[in-house]
Amino acid sequence: MINQELLPKAYTEVLEILNYISEEYLSNIPKEIIDFFRKESKKDYQYNVTEFDTFENQKMLYETKVILSVLYRDYFVSDEVKKQILQEENIQMQIIEKEKSKKYNVDDIFKNEKKENIIDKNESSVPRQIKKKGFFTKIIDKIKNMFK
């Protein structure tokens, strides 16, 4: 889940990473998007790319990875690859939606609630186990009975 508060930092990270991308790819990104990143980025946040490290090992925010993946999908790959990525995203979204519908199915929620109510009602009608009286309790009860 994307944290809205971290987006300005993510924009800063994206801008720094884009400095290492060739002009060929960078020219595919609309200027408005780059300007938006610059405008919305956190100015006092510093992010450094480690040049000798692989991209996978770079420390970056989750939000940065999401933004970069969208840029990759929309501006760096061919139309054929983009279609494949979109199909995979749709499949993943369908799986997530199915899981949500199973988890939050209204009928199941009410069934579980009814079962809980039935259990509560049945528990009140079940005789409870009577605890044995201790030695001192028996003596006190006998003394009380003597005074009655």
C-alpha atoms as a PDB file:
ATOM      1  CA  MET A   1       0.000   0.000   0.000  1.00  0.00           C
ATOM      2  CA  ILE A   2       1.367   3.360  -0.955  1.00  0.00           C
ATOM      3  CA  ASN A   3       1.972   5.787   1.882  1.00  0.00           C
ATOM      4  CA  GLN A   4       0.942   9.255   0.684  1.00  0.00           C
ATOM      5  CA  GLU A   5       3.238  10.927   3.196  1.00  0.00           C
ATOM      6  CA  LEU A   6       6.279   9.225   1.644  1.00  0.00           C
ATOM      7  CA  LEU A   7       5.503  10.251  -1.939  1.00  0.00           C
ATOM      8  CA  PRO A   8       7.572  13.485  -1.853  1.00  0.00           C
ATOM      9  CA  LYS A   9      10.600  11.450  -0.767  1.00  0.00           C
ATOM     10  CA  ALA A  10       9.843   8.890  -3.474  1.00  0.00           C
ATOM     11  CA  TYR A  11       9.717  11.637  -6.119  1.00  0.00           C
ATOM     12  CA  THR A  12      13.150  12.805  -4.937  1.00  0.00           C
ATOM     13  CA  GLU A  13      14.499   9.260  -5.201  1.00  0.00           C
ATOM     14  CA  VAL A  14      12.999   8.822  -8.671  1.00  0.00           C
ATOM     15  CA  LEU A  15      14.575  12.059  -9.880  1.00  0.00           C
ATOM     16  CA  GLU A  16      17.969  10.965  -8.583  1.00  0.00           C
ATOM     17  CA  ILE A  17      17.657   7.548 -10.245  1.00  0.00           C
ATOM     18  CA  LEU A  18      16.577   9.136 -13.522  1.00  0.00           C
ATOM     19  CA  ASN A  19      19.912  10.988 -13.561  1.00  0.00           C
ATOM     20  CA  TYR A  20      21.553   7.622 -14.281  1.00  0.00           C
ATOM     21  CA  ILE A  21      19.264   6.665 -17.165  1.00  0.00           C
ATOM     22  CA  SER A  22      20.361   7.236 -20.731  1.00  0.00           C
ATOM     23  CA  GLU A  23      18.919  10.173 -22.623  1.00  0.00           C
ATOM     24  CA  GLU A  24      17.315   7.737 -25.066  1.00  0.00           C
ATOM     25  CA  TYR A  25      14.999   6.393 -22.365  1.00  0.00           C
ATOM     26  CA  LEU A  26      14.653   9.649 -20.474  1.00  0.00           C
ATOM     27  CA  SER A  27      13.319  11.393 -23.573  1.00  0.00           C
ATOM     28  CA  ASN A  28      10.364   8.978 -23.593  1.00  0.00           C
ATOM     29  CA  ILE A  29       9.057  10.373 -20.309  1.00  0.00           C
ATOM     30  CA  PRO A  30       6.861  13.452 -20.842  1.00  0.00           C
ATOM     31  CA  LYS A  31       8.362  16.675 -19.536  1.00  0.00           C
ATOM     32  CA  GLU A  32       5.195  17.328 -17.503  1.00  0.00           C
ATOM     33  CA  ILE A  33       5.834  14.211 -15.422  1.00  0.00           C
ATOM     34  CA  ILE A  34       9.437  15.189 -14.693  1.00  0.00           C
ATOM     35  CA  ASP A  35       8.265  18.696 -13.799  1.00  0.00           C
ATOM     36  CA  PHE A  36       5.630  17.232 -11.507  1.00  0.00           C
ATOM     37  CA  PHE A  37       8.262  15.128  -9.730  1.00  0.00           C
ATOM     38  CA  ARG A  38      10.459  18.202  -9.309  1.00  0.00           C
ATOM     39  CA  LYS A  39       7.589  20.308  -8.016  1.00  0.00           C
ATOM     40  CA  GLU A  40       6.304  17.682  -5.555  1.00  0.00           C
ATOM     41  CA  SER A  41       9.660  16.295  -4.415  1.00  0.00           C
ATOM     42  CA  LYS A  42      10.961  16.855  -0.915  1.00  0.00           C
ATOM     43  CA  LYS A  43      13.720  19.435  -1.321  1.00  0.00           C
ATOM     44  CA  ASP A  44      15.503  18.763   1.972  1.00  0.00           C
ATOM     45  CA  TYR A  45      15.654  14.991   1.449  1.00  0.00           C
ATOM     46  CA  GLN A  46      18.926  13.566   0.170  1.00  0.00           C
ATOM     47  CA  TYR A  47      19.070  10.285  -1.723  1.00  0.00           C
ATOM     48  CA  ASN A  48      22.234   8.845  -3.199  1.00  0.00           C
ATOM     49  CA  VAL A  49      22.496   6.094  -5.749  1.00  0.00           C
ATOM     50  CA  THR A  50      25.331   3.681  -5.177  1.00  0.00           C
ATOM     51  CA  GLU A  51      26.830   3.372  -8.630  1.00  0.00           C
ATOM     52  CA  PHE A  52      28.712   0.166  -7.998  1.00  0.00           C
ATOM     53  CA  ASP A  53      25.636  -1.645  -6.676  1.00  0.00           C
ATOM     54  CA  THR A  54      23.008  -3.371  -8.810  1.00  0.00           C
ATOM     55  CA  PHE A  55      19.571  -1.841  -9.166  1.00  0.00           C
ATOM     56  CA  GLU A  56      17.981  -4.624  -7.094  1.00  0.00           C
ATOM     57  CA  ASN A  57      20.327  -3.886  -4.192  1.00  0.00           C
ATOM     58  CA  GLN A  58      19.685  -0.145  -4.168  1.00  0.00           C
ATOM     59  CA  LYS A  59      17.931   0.960  -1.010  1.00  0.00           C
ATOM     60  CA  MET A  60      14.804   2.835  -1.943  1.00  0.00           C
ATOM     61  CA  LEU A  61      11.256   3.329  -0.746  1.00  0.00           C
ATOM     62  CA  TYR A  62       8.493   0.981  -1.842  1.00  0.00           C
ATOM     63  CA  GLU A  63       6.745   4.011  -3.352  1.00  0.00           C
ATOM     64  CA  THR A  64       9.828   4.694  -5.461  1.00  0.00           C
ATOM     65  CA  LYS A  65       9.746   1.147  -6.813  1.00  0.00           C
ATOM     66  CA  VAL A  66       6.083   1.544  -7.730  1.00  0.00           C
ATOM     67  CA  ILE A  67       6.702   4.825  -9.560  1.00  0.00           C
ATOM     68  CA  LEU A  68       9.675   3.356 -11.429  1.00  0.00           C
ATOM     69  CA  SER A  69       7.683   0.292 -12.423  1.00  0.00           C
ATOM     70  CA  VAL A  70       4.918   2.501 -13.829  1.00  0.00           C
ATOM     71  CA  LEU A  71       7.468   4.585 -15.728  1.00  0.00           C
ATOM     72  CA  TYR A  72       9.036   1.396 -17.072  1.00  0.00           C
ATOM     73  CA  ARG A  73       5.683   0.000 -18.144  1.00  0.00           C
ATOM     74  CA  ASP A  74       4.394   3.217 -19.711  1.00  0.00           C
ATOM     75  CA  TYR A  75       7.507   4.723 -21.315  1.00  0.00           C
ATOM     76  CA  PHE A  76      10.399   2.281 -21.646  1.00  0.00           C
ATOM     77  CA  VAL A  77       9.010  -0.957 -23.083  1.00  0.00           C
ATOM     78  CA  SER A  78       7.470  -1.872 -26.399  1.00  0.00           C
ATOM     79  CA  ASP A  79       3.714  -2.047 -26.851  1.00  0.00           C
ATOM     80  CA  GLU A  80       3.837  -5.833 -26.883  1.00  0.00           C
ATOM     81  CA  VAL A  81       5.641  -6.018 -23.547  1.00  0.00           C
ATOM     82  CA  LYS A  82       3.301  -3.372 -22.152  1.00  0.00           C
ATOM     83  CA  LYS A  83       0.293  -5.529 -23.062  1.00  0.00           C
ATOM     84  CA  GLN A  84       1.862  -8.507 -21.286  1.00  0.00           C
ATOM     85  CA  ILE A  85       2.558  -6.456 -18.189  1.00  0.00           C
ATOM     86  CA  LEU A  86      -0.996  -5.089 -18.165  1.00  0.00           C
ATOM     87  CA  GLN A  87      -2.411  -8.598 -18.519  1.00  0.00           C
ATOM     88  CA  GLU A  88      -0.302  -9.797 -15.595  1.00  0.00           C
ATOM     89  CA  GLU A  89      -1.418  -6.798 -13.531  1.00  0.00           C
ATOM     90  CA  ASN A  90      -5.057  -7.542 -14.361  1.00  0.00           C
ATOM     91  CA  ILE A  91      -4.645 -11.167 -13.310  1.00  0.00           C
ATOM     92  CA  GLN A  92      -3.041 -10.085 -10.041  1.00  0.00           C
ATOM     93  CA  MET A  93      -5.843  -7.583  -9.411  1.00  0.00           C
ATOM     94  CA  GLN A  94      -8.465 -10.272 -10.064  1.00  0.00           C
ATOM     95  CA  ILE A  95      -6.757 -12.594  -7.596  1.00  0.00           C
ATOM     96  CA  ILE A  96      -6.664  -9.839  -4.981  1.00  0.00           C
ATOM     97  CA  GLU A  97     -10.330  -9.010  -5.581  1.00  0.00           C
ATOM     98  CA  LYS A  98     -11.340 -12.679  -5.256  1.00  0.00           C
ATOM     99  CA  GLU A  99      -9.456 -12.929  -1.972  1.00  0.00           C
ATOM    100  CA  LYS A 100     -11.160  -9.771  -0.726  1.00  0.00           C
ATOM    101  CA  SER A 101     -14.594 -11.023  -1.750  1.00  0.00           C
ATOM    102  CA  LYS A 102     -13.982 -14.311   0.065  1.00  0.00           C
ATOM    103  CA  LYS A 103     -12.685 -12.563   3.137  1.00  0.00           C
ATOM    104  CA  TYR A 104     -15.404  -9.915   3.263  1.00  0.00           C
ATOM    105  CA  ASN A 105     -18.315 -11.899   1.838  1.00  0.00           C
ATOM    106  CA  VAL A 106     -21.462 -10.468   3.428  1.00  0.00           C
ATOM    107  CA  ASP A 107     -23.244 -13.812   3.541  1.00  0.00           C
ATOM    108  CA  ASP A 108     -20.329 -15.482   5.311  1.00  0.00           C
ATOM    109  CA  ILE A 109     -19.997 -12.636   7.794  1.00  0.00           C
ATOM    110  CA  PHE A 110     -23.653 -13.007   8.786  1.00  0.00           C
ATOM    111  CA  LYS A 111     -23.376 -16.800   8.928  1.00  0.00           C
ATOM    112  CA  ASN A 112     -20.449 -16.526  11.321  1.00  0.00           C
ATOM    113  CA  GLU A 113     -22.345 -13.985  13.410  1.00  0.00           C
ATOM    114  CA  LYS A 114     -25.382 -16.290  13.598  1.00  0.00           C
ATOM    115  CA  LYS A 115     -23.172 -19.211  14.641  1.00  0.00           C
ATOM    116  CA  GLU A 116     -21.642 -17.086  17.391  1.00  0.00           C
ATOM    117  CA  ASN A 117     -25.109 -16.103  18.629  1.00  0.00           C
ATOM    118  CA  ILE A 118     -26.203 -19.741  18.627  1.00  0.00           C
ATOM    119  CA  ILE A 119     -23.121 -20.734  20.563  1.00  0.00           C
ATOM    120  CA  ASP A 120     -23.745 -17.965  23.110  1.00  0.00           C
ATOM    121  CA  LYS A 121     -27.364 -19.061  23.604  1.00  0.00           C
ATOM    122  CA  ASN A 122     -26.387 -22.705  23.938  1.00  0.00           C
ATOM    123  CA  GLU A 123     -23.658 -21.959  26.418  1.00  0.00           C
ATOM    124  CA  SER A 124     -26.119 -20.327  28.794  1.00  0.00           C
ATOM    125  CA  SER A 125     -28.311 -23.446  28.818  1.00  0.00           C
ATOM    126  CA  VAL A 126     -25.424 -25.825  29.452  1.00  0.00           C
ATOM    127  CA  PRO A 127     -25.051 -26.660  33.160  1.00  0.00           C
ATOM    128  CA  ARG A 128     -21.876 -25.308  34.595  1.00  0.00           C
ATOM    129  CA  GLN A 129     -19.439 -27.406  36.517  1.00  0.00           C
ATOM    130  CA  ILE A 130     -19.842 -26.942  40.246  1.00  0.00           C
ATOM    131  CA  LYS A 131     -16.624 -26.513  42.070  1.00  0.00           C
ATOM    132  CA  LYS A 132     -16.047 -28.688  45.100  1.00  0.00           C
ATOM    133  CA  LYS A 133     -16.118 -26.852  48.364  1.00  0.00           C
ATOM    134  CA  GLY A 134     -12.867 -26.622  50.203  1.00  0.00           C
ATOM    135  CA  PHE A 135     -12.346 -27.909  53.745  1.00  0.00           C
ATOM    136  CA  PHE A 136     -12.648 -24.496  55.404  1.00  0.00           C
ATOM    137  CA  THR A 137     -15.721 -23.603  53.360  1.00  0.00           C
ATOM    138  CA  LYS A 138     -17.450 -26.792  54.561  1.00  0.00           C
ATOM    139  CA  ILE A 139     -16.642 -25.965  58.189  1.00  0.00           C
ATOM    140  CA  ILE A 140     -17.946 -22.394  57.837  1.00  0.00           C
ATOM    141  CA  ASP A 141     -21.154 -23.686  56.198  1.00  0.00           C
ATOM    142  CA  LYS A 142     -21.703 -26.152  59.102  1.00  0.00           C
ATOM    143  CA  ILE A 143     -21.238 -23.368  61.639  1.00  0.00           C
ATOM    144  CA  LYS A 144     -23.707 -21.170  59.748  1.00  0.00           C
ATOM    145  CA  ASN A 145     -26.214 -24.062  59.707  1.00  0.00           C
ATOM    146  CA  MET A 146     -25.878 -24.439  63.500  1.00  0.00           C
ATOM    147  CA  PHE A 147     -27.049 -20.872  64.028  1.00  0.00           C
ATOM    148  CA  LYS A 148     -30.099 -21.150  61.811  1.00  0.00           C
END
